[in-house]
Amino acid sequence: MHWLERHWYRITPLHLILLPISFIFRLLAGIRRTLYRSGILPSKKLPIPVIVVGNITAGGSGKTPLTLWLTQQLLDNGWHPGIISRGYASTAASSQAVYNSSDPGAVGDEAVLMAQRKLCPVWVGQDRVAAARELLRAHPECDVLLSDDGLQHYRLRRDAEIVVVDGARRFGNGFLLPAGPLRELPSRLAGADAVVVNGGAPAAGEYAMQLQGERFYNLLNPSTQAHAADFHGQHLHAIAGIGHPQRFFDHLSHLGLAVQTHPFPDHYRYTPGDLAFADADAILMTEKDAVKCAAFATEKCWVLRVDAQVDPSLTQLTLERITQNGRQAA
């Protein structure tokens, strides 16, 4: 899939083949959504409010940092959230809890990242409805659920939809998969409760989000921390296996660090050889990379923690949606 992404932000001769497939994808996606909206395909309502965080493009856009930010906002306002996720490339046959020590190959790298923050219970499963019910059985104190990357999972009824847009890449060449990055047309945004733009300038009615972080921790010894200035003058390598690796590299540059960059595909499964930089004084990586490198990390591995900074008015909107819809359901 990584090679195909190079064609999502331009028009190439390959689109002579990809566009007809894209039209079929659009037709099937439209039929599927219509079947759910009409009730022909049933959706399941949970006994507590559900907030879906997703996007209309393939690849990373900032869903996980936003999910963690929303989780903290809910906690600060007296709610008891839980998080459910599909678990990208998860090999789990059934729904299961995710812990900070879980195997990212079994439950997904982003799920482990969220569990490591220790904010609330995190469960994964191919069937999000089943995962949600298992989470609620194990944690009856939870009174609101966040579904990470669940926008197109229409079988789970939702009380609020929050869509994240990559402010730098937006919608690529504007085509649906596989000719472009779109899972659904941009017109889908009109039906969401909120559109959050990660980086770049938001349009009217959209909410601004920035990823901020300047402190690193050592992957082998997380209690050992460093500032960006501590790496000045060192020979640095940086790896990133995320949806938009350049965003991470640009962030390091903004911190004043000169690094040799090594982009990898999103959700890449690292091996020890990928970190074999003999000339490196330090290897810098994202938290998402770190959960997959922990088993063979060296003292040279340093992790940048980033947190989403979001327009605070999104908190009030979210609370209004889940409170209002909860009353209607009652």
Protein backbone atom coordinates (compact mmCIF):
# COMPACT_ATOMS: atom_id res chain seq x y z
CA MET A 1 0.00 0.00 0.00
CA HIS A 2 2.93 2.33 0.70
CA TRP A 3 3.86 2.54 -2.99
CA LEU A 4 0.26 3.42 -3.84
CA GLU A 5 0.25 6.41 -1.48
CA ARG A 6 2.70 8.17 -3.78
CA HIS A 7 -0.13 8.45 -6.32
CA TRP A 8 -2.68 9.90 -3.88
CA TYR A 9 -1.43 13.46 -3.98
CA ARG A 10 -1.04 13.91 -7.76
CA ILE A 11 -2.35 12.56 -11.05
CA THR A 12 -0.25 9.90 -12.77
CA PRO A 13 -0.70 7.51 -15.73
CA LEU A 14 -1.58 4.80 -13.20
CA HIS A 15 -4.90 6.60 -12.63
CA LEU A 16 -6.13 5.24 -15.96
CA ILE A 17 -6.37 1.94 -14.09
CA LEU A 18 -7.16 3.23 -10.60
CA LEU A 19 -10.04 5.57 -11.42
CA PRO A 20 -12.49 2.88 -12.62
CA ILE A 21 -11.80 0.94 -9.41
CA SER A 22 -12.30 4.15 -7.44
CA PHE A 23 -15.75 4.65 -9.00
CA ILE A 24 -16.72 1.12 -7.95
CA PHE A 25 -15.46 1.82 -4.42
CA ARG A 26 -17.54 5.01 -4.30
CA LEU A 27 -20.65 3.13 -5.42
CA LEU A 28 -20.22 0.34 -2.88
CA ALA A 29 -19.43 2.76 -0.03
CA GLY A 30 -22.52 4.82 -0.87
CA ILE A 31 -24.76 1.76 -0.98
CA ARG A 32 -23.40 0.51 2.34
CA ARG A 33 -24.01 3.82 4.09
CA THR A 34 -27.50 4.09 2.61
CA LEU A 35 -28.36 0.61 3.87
CA TYR A 36 -27.37 1.59 7.40
CA ARG A 37 -29.15 4.96 7.28
CA SER A 38 -32.34 3.33 6.04
CA GLY A 39 -32.22 0.63 8.70
CA ILE A 40 -31.95 -2.24 6.24
CA LEU A 41 -28.60 -3.01 7.86
CA PRO A 42 -29.14 -2.67 11.61
CA SER A 43 -26.99 -0.51 13.86
CA LYS A 44 -26.58 -1.16 17.56
CA LYS A 45 -27.26 1.39 20.30
CA LEU A 46 -25.23 1.14 23.49
CA PRO A 47 -26.63 2.11 26.91
CA ILE A 48 -24.14 4.99 27.19
CA PRO A 49 -23.14 7.79 24.80
CA VAL A 50 -20.64 7.03 22.04
CA ILE A 51 -18.23 9.56 20.53
CA VAL A 52 -16.68 8.53 17.23
CA VAL A 53 -13.31 9.99 16.26
CA GLY A 54 -12.36 9.29 12.65
CA ASN A 55 -11.40 10.67 9.30
CA ILE A 56 -12.43 10.41 5.66
CA THR A 57 -8.94 9.64 4.39
CA ALA A 58 -6.74 6.58 4.65
CA GLY A 59 -3.65 6.95 6.81
CA GLY A 60 -2.91 8.97 9.89
CA SER A 61 -4.35 12.41 10.48
CA GLY A 62 -4.09 12.77 14.25
CA LYS A 63 -7.01 10.66 15.47
CA THR A 64 -5.16 9.05 18.36
CA PRO A 65 -3.82 12.30 19.91
CA LEU A 66 -7.28 13.81 19.57
CA THR A 67 -8.88 10.76 21.20
CA LEU A 68 -6.49 11.08 24.12
CA TRP A 69 -7.20 14.80 24.41
CA LEU A 70 -10.95 14.18 24.43
CA THR A 71 -10.49 11.46 27.04
CA GLN A 72 -8.72 13.91 29.33
CA GLN A 73 -11.41 16.56 28.77
CA LEU A 74 -14.11 14.06 29.73
CA LEU A 75 -12.20 13.03 32.85
CA ASP A 76 -11.76 16.67 33.83
CA ASN A 77 -15.53 17.16 33.53
CA GLY A 78 -16.48 14.25 35.75
CA TRP A 79 -17.08 11.54 33.13
CA HIS A 80 -15.63 8.02 33.19
CA PRO A 81 -14.64 7.21 29.60
CA GLY A 82 -13.50 4.04 27.91
CA ILE A 83 -11.85 3.65 24.51
CA ILE A 84 -12.58 1.02 21.87
CA SER A 85 -10.62 0.48 18.68
CA ARG A 86 -10.39 -1.94 15.79
CA GLY A 87 -6.68 -2.34 16.51
CA TYR A 88 -4.87 -1.89 13.19
CA ALA A 89 -3.65 -5.27 11.86
CA SER A 90 -4.69 -6.86 15.15
CA THR A 91 -4.45 -10.64 15.22
CA ALA A 92 -6.87 -10.89 18.14
CA ALA A 93 -9.65 -13.36 17.38
CA SER A 94 -12.00 -11.81 19.94
CA SER A 95 -12.39 -8.61 21.92
CA GLN A 96 -9.74 -8.04 24.55
CA ALA A 97 -8.37 -5.47 26.94
CA VAL A 98 -5.19 -3.61 26.06
CA TYR A 99 -2.47 -2.95 28.60
CA ASN A 100 0.75 -0.96 28.47
CA SER A 101 2.61 -4.28 28.14
CA SER A 102 0.39 -5.71 25.37
CA ASP A 103 1.97 -6.91 22.14
CA PRO A 104 1.36 -4.21 19.50
CA GLY A 105 1.42 -6.91 16.84
CA ALA A 106 -1.55 -8.57 18.52
CA VAL A 107 -3.68 -5.54 19.43
CA GLY A 108 -2.34 -2.69 17.28
CA ASP A 109 0.31 -0.05 17.95
CA GLU A 110 -2.08 2.85 18.53
CA ALA A 111 -4.12 0.86 21.06
CA VAL A 112 -0.98 0.13 23.09
CA LEU A 113 0.02 3.80 22.89
CA MET A 114 -3.38 4.82 24.31
CA ALA A 115 -3.19 2.19 27.05
CA GLN A 116 0.25 3.44 28.07
CA ARG A 117 -1.23 6.83 28.90
CA LYS A 118 -3.28 5.06 31.62
CA LEU A 119 -6.24 7.41 31.31
CA CYS A 120 -9.02 4.84 30.99
CA PRO A 121 -9.75 1.25 29.88
CA VAL A 122 -8.84 0.44 26.28
CA TRP A 123 -10.31 -2.52 24.41
CA VAL A 124 -9.88 -3.73 20.83
CA GLY A 125 -11.85 -6.06 18.61
CA GLN A 126 -12.77 -6.58 14.98
CA ASP A 127 -16.39 -6.11 16.06
CA ARG A 128 -16.51 -2.74 17.82
CA VAL A 129 -19.99 -3.41 19.22
CA ALA A 130 -18.75 -6.60 20.85
CA ALA A 131 -15.62 -4.82 22.10
CA ALA A 132 -17.75 -2.07 23.62
CA ARG A 133 -20.02 -4.55 25.39
CA GLU A 134 -17.04 -6.48 26.77
CA LEU A 135 -15.47 -3.25 28.01
CA LEU A 136 -18.69 -2.24 29.77
CA ARG A 137 -19.01 -5.67 31.39
CA ALA A 138 -15.47 -5.37 32.73
CA HIS A 139 -15.81 -1.67 33.64
CA PRO A 140 -19.42 -0.83 34.52
CA GLU A 141 -18.26 2.53 35.87
CA CYS A 142 -17.69 3.79 32.30
CA ASP A 143 -20.41 6.22 31.26
CA VAL A 144 -19.14 7.31 27.83
CA LEU A 145 -17.21 5.54 25.06
CA LEU A 146 -14.80 6.89 22.47
CA SER A 147 -14.48 4.88 19.27
CA ASP A 148 -11.04 5.51 17.78
CA ASP A 149 -11.05 5.43 13.97
CA GLY A 150 -14.69 4.40 13.88
CA LEU A 151 -16.28 6.85 11.45
CA GLN A 152 -17.06 4.23 8.78
CA HIS A 153 -18.13 1.59 11.31
CA TYR A 154 -21.83 2.36 10.95
CA ARG A 155 -22.95 -0.74 12.80
CA LEU A 156 -22.16 1.13 16.03
CA ARG A 157 -24.63 3.96 16.59
CA ARG A 158 -22.99 7.18 17.70
CA ASP A 159 -24.05 10.26 19.64
CA ALA A 160 -21.28 12.53 18.34
CA GLU A 161 -19.00 12.38 15.29
CA ILE A 162 -15.68 14.21 15.29
CA VAL A 163 -13.70 14.10 12.05
CA VAL A 164 -9.98 14.89 11.90
CA VAL A 165 -8.45 16.42 8.77
CA ASP A 166 -4.73 16.63 8.07
CA GLY A 167 -4.23 20.37 7.63
CA ALA A 168 -1.17 19.90 5.41
CA ARG A 169 -2.38 17.18 3.06
CA ARG A 170 -6.16 17.77 3.29
CA PHE A 171 -7.82 15.43 0.75
CA GLY A 172 -4.93 14.72 -1.60
CA ASN A 173 -5.94 14.54 -5.26
CA GLY A 174 -9.62 14.38 -4.30
CA PHE A 175 -10.22 10.81 -5.46
CA LEU A 176 -11.57 7.90 -3.46
CA LEU A 177 -9.55 4.76 -2.81
CA PRO A 178 -7.50 3.40 -4.47
CA ALA A 179 -7.00 6.35 -6.86
CA GLY A 180 -6.76 8.79 -3.94
CA PRO A 181 -6.72 8.77 -0.15
CA LEU A 182 -10.45 9.33 0.42
CA ARG A 183 -12.61 6.77 2.19
CA GLU A 184 -15.64 9.03 1.71
CA LEU A 185 -16.29 12.26 -0.18
CA PRO A 186 -15.55 15.61 1.50
CA SER A 187 -19.30 16.26 1.51
CA ARG A 188 -19.42 13.69 4.32
CA LEU A 189 -17.99 16.34 6.66
CA ALA A 190 -21.29 18.22 6.59
CA GLY A 191 -22.89 15.43 8.60
CA ALA A 192 -20.27 15.46 11.36
CA ASP A 193 -20.71 17.28 14.65
CA ALA A 194 -17.21 18.76 14.44
CA VAL A 195 -14.30 18.93 11.99
CA VAL A 196 -10.88 19.27 13.59
CA VAL A 197 -7.93 20.40 11.45
CA ASN A 198 -4.57 19.07 12.59
CA GLY A 199 -2.04 21.72 11.59
CA GLY A 200 -2.61 24.40 8.99
CA ALA A 201 -5.36 26.98 9.04
CA PRO A 202 -8.90 25.78 9.81
CA ALA A 203 -11.79 27.07 7.70
CA ALA A 204 -14.84 28.74 9.19
CA GLY A 205 -16.63 26.37 11.54
CA GLU A 206 -13.64 24.06 11.92
CA TYR A 207 -11.62 23.54 15.10
CA ALA A 208 -7.86 24.07 15.20
CA MET A 209 -5.53 21.41 16.55
CA GLN A 210 -1.75 21.39 16.97
CA LEU A 211 0.57 18.66 18.20
CA GLN A 212 3.01 20.02 20.76
CA GLY A 213 5.96 18.46 22.55
CA GLU A 214 9.56 19.28 23.32
CA ARG A 215 10.58 16.74 25.96
CA PHE A 216 12.04 13.33 25.17
CA TYR A 217 12.28 10.25 27.35
CA ASN A 218 14.70 7.37 27.00
CA LEU A 219 12.95 4.27 25.72
CA LEU A 220 14.98 1.92 27.93
CA ASN A 221 14.69 4.17 30.99
CA PRO A 222 11.52 6.29 30.69
CA SER A 223 12.28 8.18 33.89
CA THR A 224 15.34 9.65 32.14
CA GLN A 225 14.23 12.73 30.22
CA ALA A 226 15.88 15.31 28.01
CA HIS A 227 15.10 18.60 26.32
CA ALA A 228 15.72 19.23 22.64
CA ALA A 229 18.68 21.45 23.56
CA ASP A 230 20.40 18.43 25.13
CA PHE A 231 20.78 16.90 21.66
CA HIS A 232 22.37 19.92 20.01
CA GLY A 233 25.68 19.09 18.37
CA GLN A 234 24.98 15.35 18.32
CA HIS A 235 24.73 13.06 15.30
CA LEU A 236 20.99 12.35 15.23
CA HIS A 237 18.84 9.89 13.29
CA ALA A 238 15.04 10.06 13.33
CA ILE A 239 12.59 7.31 12.36
CA ALA A 240 8.86 7.66 11.79
CA GLY A 241 6.38 4.98 10.78
CA ILE A 242 3.26 7.14 10.95
CA GLY A 243 0.69 8.41 8.47
CA HIS A 244 2.67 11.57 7.66
CA PRO A 245 6.33 11.08 8.72
CA GLN A 246 7.34 14.52 7.48
CA ARG A 247 5.19 16.10 10.20
CA PHE A 248 7.45 14.52 12.84
CA PHE A 249 10.63 15.50 11.03
CA ASP A 250 9.39 19.08 10.65
CA HIS A 251 8.60 19.16 14.36
CA LEU A 252 12.17 18.13 15.18
CA SER A 253 13.47 20.83 12.85
CA HIS A 254 11.25 23.36 14.62
CA LEU A 255 12.92 22.29 17.87
CA GLY A 256 16.26 23.21 16.33
CA LEU A 257 17.46 19.65 15.71
CA ALA A 258 19.34 18.60 12.58
CA VAL A 259 18.56 14.93 11.91
CA GLN A 260 18.99 12.26 9.28
CA THR A 261 15.44 11.22 8.49
CA HIS A 262 14.19 7.68 7.88
CA PRO A 263 10.49 7.52 6.93
CA PHE A 264 8.68 4.18 7.08
CA PRO A 265 5.14 3.15 6.09
CA ASP A 266 2.35 3.73 8.60
CA HIS A 267 2.14 0.89 11.19
CA TYR A 268 5.51 -0.44 10.06
CA ARG A 269 6.79 -3.48 11.99
CA TYR A 270 10.34 -2.58 12.99
CA THR A 271 13.24 -5.00 13.30
CA PRO A 272 16.55 -4.47 15.15
CA GLY A 273 18.24 -3.81 11.81
CA ASP A 274 16.08 -0.72 11.31
CA LEU A 275 17.83 0.90 14.29
CA ALA A 276 21.35 -0.12 13.33
CA PHE A 277 22.82 3.35 12.86
CA ALA A 278 26.44 2.91 13.92
CA ASP A 279 27.19 6.63 13.75
CA ALA A 280 24.16 7.73 15.78
CA ASP A 281 24.55 9.47 19.10
CA ALA A 282 20.77 9.29 19.47
CA ILE A 283 17.80 7.83 17.58
CA LEU A 284 14.64 9.92 17.88
CA MET A 285 11.17 8.45 17.36
CA THR A 286 7.47 8.96 18.00
CA GLU A 287 5.51 7.22 20.75
CA LYS A 288 3.82 5.11 18.10
CA ASP A 289 7.22 3.89 16.87
CA ALA A 290 8.39 3.33 20.44
CA VAL A 291 5.79 0.68 21.32
CA LYS A 292 7.11 -1.44 18.43
CA CYS A 293 10.81 -0.86 19.16
CA ALA A 294 10.79 -1.38 22.93
CA ALA A 295 11.73 -5.07 22.72
CA PHE A 296 15.09 -4.36 21.06
CA ALA A 297 15.74 -0.72 21.95
CA THR A 298 19.15 0.52 23.01
CA GLU A 299 20.16 3.41 25.25
CA LYS A 300 20.38 5.55 22.11
CA CYS A 301 16.59 5.46 21.58
CA TRP A 302 14.69 8.58 22.65
CA VAL A 303 10.96 9.15 22.35
CA LEU A 304 9.20 12.48 21.80
CA ARG A 305 5.90 12.70 23.64
CA VAL A 306 3.39 14.93 21.88
CA ASP A 307 -0.01 16.09 23.06
CA ALA A 308 -2.86 17.62 21.10
CA GLN A 309 -3.69 21.25 21.78
CA VAL A 310 -7.25 21.80 20.57
CA ASP A 311 -9.66 24.71 20.41
CA PRO A 312 -11.23 24.47 23.91
CA SER A 313 -14.70 25.19 22.55
CA LEU A 314 -14.70 21.62 21.20
CA THR A 315 -14.98 20.37 24.78
CA GLN A 316 -18.23 22.23 25.37
CA LEU A 317 -19.68 21.07 22.04
CA THR A 318 -18.83 17.45 22.82
CA LEU A 319 -20.38 17.63 26.30
CA GLU A 320 -23.53 19.19 24.87
CA ARG A 321 -23.87 16.48 22.22
CA ILE A 322 -23.49 13.52 24.54
CA THR A 323 -25.67 15.06 27.25
CA GLN A 324 -28.42 16.05 24.81
CA ASN A 325 -28.44 12.71 23.00
CA GLY A 326 -28.30 10.83 26.27
CA ARG A 327 -31.45 12.60 27.47
CA GLN A 328 -33.20 11.83 24.18
CA ALA A 329 -32.29 8.15 24.46
CA ALA A 330 -33.66 8.07 28.01
